Amino acid sequence: MQQWQPVSADSLLIEHVGDCYAVYSGATGDTHLLDALPVEVLKFLVDTAPCSGSEIAALIADVMDEPADAWVAQVSEVLERLRAIQLVERVAH
């Protein structure tokens, strides 16, 4: 099972701005505007990493009172997008 973690959890700043969130990464010096779901995934990783996409999907499903299977694909896509902008990384086994 693939595990994920923030690239640098202690250098992330997250601020709510209107309908989205500004996320600053001290590791890259970049600021990104993100929707709520990617930010919730990122916050979960900051608090509990390393963890799998399935574990994150289960947490979201519990909050939303829906089956975890409904969230697995969406969480996987979010993790890949967060990886592309260097906010998260896969954990080597």
Protein backbone atom coordinates (compact mmCIF):
# COMPACT_ATOMS: atom_id res chain seq x y z
CA MET A 1 0.00 0.00 0.00
CA GLN A 2 1.43 3.38 -1.06
CA GLN A 3 2.15 5.76 1.82
CA TRP A 4 2.27 9.56 1.61
CA GLN A 5 3.70 12.41 3.66
CA PRO A 6 4.09 16.18 3.35
CA VAL A 7 7.35 17.28 1.73
CA SER A 8 8.04 19.59 4.66
CA ALA A 9 5.18 19.74 7.17
CA ASP A 10 6.88 22.26 9.44
CA SER A 11 7.32 24.78 6.62
CA LEU A 12 3.69 24.81 5.40
CA LEU A 13 1.46 27.82 6.02
CA ILE A 14 -2.25 27.47 5.25
CA GLU A 15 -4.61 30.46 5.23
CA HIS A 16 -8.27 30.62 4.26
CA VAL A 17 -8.77 33.23 1.51
CA GLY A 18 -12.35 33.71 0.29
CA ASP A 19 -13.55 30.48 -1.34
CA CYS A 20 -10.13 28.80 -1.31
CA TYR A 21 -6.93 28.40 0.68
CA ALA A 22 -3.47 29.84 0.14
CA VAL A 23 -0.81 27.25 0.91
CA TYR A 24 2.78 28.43 1.20
CA SER A 25 5.58 25.88 1.11
CA GLY A 26 8.81 26.98 2.72
CA ALA A 27 10.50 24.02 1.03
CA THR A 28 9.87 25.42 -2.45
CA GLY A 29 9.05 29.08 -1.75
CA ASP A 30 5.84 28.68 -3.76
CA THR A 31 2.30 29.66 -2.81
CA HIS A 32 -0.65 27.69 -4.20
CA LEU A 33 -4.38 28.41 -4.17
CA LEU A 34 -6.27 25.21 -3.36
CA ASP A 35 -9.86 24.12 -2.84
CA ALA A 36 -11.07 22.64 0.45
CA LEU A 37 -10.54 18.93 -0.35
CA PRO A 38 -6.82 19.17 -1.21
CA VAL A 39 -6.26 21.27 1.91
CA GLU A 40 -8.08 18.75 4.11
CA VAL A 41 -5.97 15.96 2.61
CA LEU A 42 -2.82 18.00 3.25
CA LYS A 43 -3.85 18.80 6.84
CA PHE A 44 -4.55 15.12 7.49
CA LEU A 45 -1.10 14.21 6.20
CA VAL A 46 0.54 16.89 8.36
CA ASP A 47 -1.18 15.42 11.43
CA THR A 48 -0.84 11.68 10.72
CA ALA A 49 1.77 10.97 8.04
CA PRO A 50 2.79 8.66 6.70
CA CYS A 51 -0.56 7.26 5.63
CA SER A 52 -2.24 5.78 2.59
CA GLY A 53 -4.81 7.24 0.24
CA SER A 54 -7.26 4.63 1.48
CA GLU A 55 -6.82 5.83 5.07
CA ILE A 56 -7.48 9.41 3.98
CA ALA A 57 -10.52 8.33 1.96
CA ALA A 58 -11.88 6.50 5.01
CA LEU A 59 -11.51 9.60 7.17
CA ILE A 60 -13.29 11.79 4.61
CA ALA A 61 -16.01 9.19 4.16
CA ASP A 62 -16.55 9.09 7.91
CA VAL A 63 -16.96 12.87 8.07
CA MET A 64 -19.24 12.90 5.02
CA ASP A 65 -21.15 9.79 6.20
CA GLU A 66 -20.52 8.02 2.88
CA PRO A 67 -18.76 4.79 1.86
CA ALA A 68 -14.97 5.09 1.69
CA ASP A 69 -14.97 3.51 -1.77
CA ALA A 70 -16.70 6.63 -3.06
CA TRP A 71 -13.65 8.73 -2.12
CA VAL A 72 -10.66 6.52 -3.01
CA ALA A 73 -10.32 7.65 -6.65
CA GLN A 74 -10.82 11.32 -5.81
CA VAL A 75 -8.28 11.22 -2.95
CA SER A 76 -5.79 9.45 -5.21
CA GLU A 77 -6.17 12.20 -7.81
CA VAL A 78 -5.74 14.90 -5.14
CA LEU A 79 -2.56 13.24 -3.83
CA GLU A 80 -1.08 13.12 -7.33
CA ARG A 81 -1.89 16.81 -7.87
CA LEU A 82 -0.34 17.72 -4.51
CA ARG A 83 2.73 15.68 -5.49
CA ALA A 84 2.97 17.52 -8.81
CA ILE A 85 3.21 20.86 -6.98
CA GLN A 86 5.69 19.41 -4.46
CA LEU A 87 3.51 19.58 -1.35
CA VAL A 88 3.46 15.81 -0.71
CA GLU A 89 5.65 12.87 -1.57
CA ARG A 90 5.46 9.12 -1.62
CA VAL A 91 7.22 7.40 1.27
CA ALA A 92 9.88 4.93 0.22
CA HIS A 93 9.42 1.45 1.68
